[in-house]
Amino acid sequence: MQLTLDWQQQSANTVLLDTRDLLIKQVYARRADGQWRKVPFNLAERDAVLGRPDH
């Protein structure tokens, strides 16, 4: 799956997703120069109501 974001504010730099029941192995982001790079991420503990946030 690929998620494309159209940032409304240039200063935005964080995405918080509900990753309930998803297996995420790696995350890549495209830099301003068009190159892709692997970026760090972490999965929080699962919440029964809110799911499992990915930071």
N, C-alpha and C. Protein backbone atom coordinates (compact mmCIF):
# COMPACT_ATOMS: atom_id res chain seq x y z
N MET A 1 0.84 -1.16 0.00
CA MET A 1 0.00 0.00 0.00
C MET A 1 0.90 1.24 0.00
N GLN A 2 0.44 2.26 -0.66
CA GLN A 2 1.16 3.54 -0.69
C GLN A 2 0.20 4.64 -0.26
N LEU A 3 0.68 5.50 0.60
CA LEU A 3 -0.09 6.64 1.07
C LEU A 3 0.61 7.90 0.61
N THR A 4 -0.10 8.76 -0.10
CA THR A 4 0.46 10.02 -0.57
C THR A 4 -0.21 11.16 0.19
N LEU A 5 0.60 12.07 0.70
CA LEU A 5 0.08 13.19 1.47
C LEU A 5 0.31 14.49 0.72
N ASP A 6 -0.69 15.36 0.77
CA ASP A 6 -0.57 16.70 0.22
C ASP A 6 -0.56 17.64 1.43
N TRP A 7 0.67 17.97 1.90
CA TRP A 7 0.81 18.76 3.10
C TRP A 7 0.20 20.15 2.90
N GLN A 8 -0.65 20.55 3.81
CA GLN A 8 -1.28 21.86 3.77
C GLN A 8 -0.40 22.94 4.37
N GLN A 9 0.51 22.54 5.25
CA GLN A 9 1.45 23.48 5.88
C GLN A 9 2.86 22.96 5.66
N GLN A 10 3.74 23.79 5.18
CA GLN A 10 5.12 23.40 4.93
C GLN A 10 5.83 22.96 6.21
N SER A 11 5.42 23.48 7.35
CA SER A 11 6.08 23.16 8.61
C SER A 11 5.64 21.81 9.18
N ALA A 12 4.61 21.21 8.61
CA ALA A 12 4.13 19.91 9.11
C ALA A 12 5.19 18.84 8.86
N ASN A 13 5.42 17.99 9.87
CA ASN A 13 6.43 16.95 9.70
C ASN A 13 6.08 15.66 10.44
N THR A 14 4.84 15.53 10.90
CA THR A 14 4.42 14.34 11.64
C THR A 14 3.11 13.81 11.09
N VAL A 15 3.04 12.49 10.98
CA VAL A 15 1.81 11.82 10.57
C VAL A 15 1.48 10.80 11.66
N LEU A 16 0.25 10.79 12.11
CA LEU A 16 -0.19 9.83 13.12
C LEU A 16 -1.30 8.99 12.48
N LEU A 17 -1.06 7.70 12.34
CA LEU A 17 -2.01 6.79 11.69
C LEU A 17 -2.46 5.72 12.67
N ASP A 18 -3.70 5.26 12.53
CA ASP A 18 -4.16 4.10 13.28
C ASP A 18 -3.73 2.87 12.49
N THR A 19 -2.89 2.05 13.07
CA THR A 19 -2.34 0.89 12.36
C THR A 19 -2.94 -0.43 12.85
N ARG A 20 -4.12 -0.36 13.39
CA ARG A 20 -4.77 -1.57 13.93
C ARG A 20 -4.76 -2.69 12.91
N ASP A 21 -4.26 -3.83 13.34
CA ASP A 21 -4.22 -5.06 12.54
C ASP A 21 -3.38 -4.95 11.27
N LEU A 22 -2.49 -3.97 11.18
CA LEU A 22 -1.58 -3.85 10.05
C LEU A 22 -0.18 -4.29 10.48
N LEU A 23 0.54 -4.89 9.56
CA LEU A 23 1.93 -5.25 9.80
C LEU A 23 2.78 -4.27 9.00
N ILE A 24 3.53 -3.43 9.68
CA ILE A 24 4.37 -2.43 9.02
C ILE A 24 5.82 -2.80 9.26
N LYS A 25 6.55 -3.01 8.18
CA LYS A 25 7.95 -3.41 8.29
C LYS A 25 8.90 -2.25 8.05
N GLN A 26 8.52 -1.30 7.20
CA GLN A 26 9.39 -0.18 6.91
C GLN A 26 8.57 0.98 6.36
N VAL A 27 9.13 2.18 6.50
CA VAL A 27 8.47 3.40 6.04
C VAL A 27 9.49 4.21 5.25
N TYR A 28 9.09 4.70 4.09
CA TYR A 28 9.95 5.53 3.25
C TYR A 28 9.29 6.89 3.04
N ALA A 29 10.11 7.91 2.91
CA ALA A 29 9.62 9.26 2.63
C ALA A 29 10.44 9.84 1.49
N ARG A 30 9.79 10.62 0.65
CA ARG A 30 10.51 11.27 -0.45
C ARG A 30 11.00 12.62 0.00
N ARG A 31 12.27 12.85 -0.19
CA ARG A 31 12.89 14.12 0.18
C ARG A 31 12.53 15.20 -0.83
N ALA A 32 12.85 16.42 -0.51
CA ALA A 32 12.57 17.55 -1.41
C ALA A 32 13.26 17.39 -2.75
N ASP A 33 14.43 16.69 -2.79
CA ASP A 33 15.14 16.50 -4.05
C ASP A 33 14.60 15.33 -4.86
N GLY A 34 13.53 14.70 -4.38
CA GLY A 34 12.89 13.60 -5.11
C GLY A 34 13.41 12.22 -4.76
N GLN A 35 14.46 12.14 -3.99
CA GLN A 35 15.02 10.85 -3.58
C GLN A 35 14.21 10.25 -2.42
N TRP A 36 14.08 8.93 -2.42
CA TRP A 36 13.38 8.24 -1.34
C TRP A 36 14.39 7.79 -0.30
N ARG A 37 13.99 7.86 0.97
CA ARG A 37 14.86 7.37 2.03
C ARG A 37 14.01 6.68 3.09
N LYS A 38 14.59 5.67 3.71
CA LYS A 38 13.93 4.97 4.80
C LYS A 38 13.91 5.88 6.02
N VAL A 39 12.77 5.98 6.69
CA VAL A 39 12.64 6.85 7.85
C VAL A 39 12.24 6.03 9.08
N PRO A 40 12.64 6.48 10.26
CA PRO A 40 12.29 5.74 11.48
C PRO A 40 10.81 5.88 11.81
N PHE A 41 10.29 4.88 12.47
CA PHE A 41 8.91 4.92 12.95
C PHE A 41 8.81 4.03 14.18
N ASN A 42 7.77 4.20 14.95
CA ASN A 42 7.54 3.30 16.07
C ASN A 42 6.05 3.07 16.23
N LEU A 43 5.70 1.90 16.72
CA LEU A 43 4.31 1.55 16.95
C LEU A 43 4.05 1.60 18.44
N ALA A 44 3.05 2.37 18.82
CA ALA A 44 2.68 2.48 20.23
C ALA A 44 1.90 1.24 20.66
N GLU A 45 1.69 1.11 21.95
CA GLU A 45 0.89 0.00 22.45
C GLU A 45 -0.54 0.12 21.95
N ARG A 46 -1.17 -1.01 21.72
CA ARG A 46 -2.54 -1.02 21.20
C ARG A 46 -3.52 -0.55 22.27
N ASP A 47 -4.45 0.30 21.85
CA ASP A 47 -5.52 0.81 22.71
C ASP A 47 -6.82 0.18 22.23
N ALA A 48 -7.63 -0.34 23.13
CA ALA A 48 -8.86 -1.04 22.76
C ALA A 48 -9.83 -0.15 21.98
N VAL A 49 -9.81 1.14 22.24
CA VAL A 49 -10.73 2.07 21.58
C VAL A 49 -10.06 2.79 20.41
N LEU A 50 -8.84 3.27 20.62
CA LEU A 50 -8.18 4.10 19.62
C LEU A 50 -7.33 3.34 18.62
N GLY A 51 -7.15 2.04 18.81
CA GLY A 51 -6.31 1.28 17.89
C GLY A 51 -4.85 1.35 18.31
N ARG A 52 -3.94 1.25 17.33
CA ARG A 52 -2.51 1.26 17.62
C ARG A 52 -1.85 2.35 16.79
N PRO A 53 -1.52 3.49 17.39
CA PRO A 53 -0.97 4.59 16.61
C PRO A 53 0.46 4.33 16.14
N ASP A 54 0.76 4.79 14.95
CA ASP A 54 2.09 4.76 14.38
C ASP A 54 2.61 6.18 14.39
N HIS A 55 3.77 6.39 14.98
CA HIS A 55 4.37 7.73 15.05
C HIS A 55 5.52 7.81 14.09
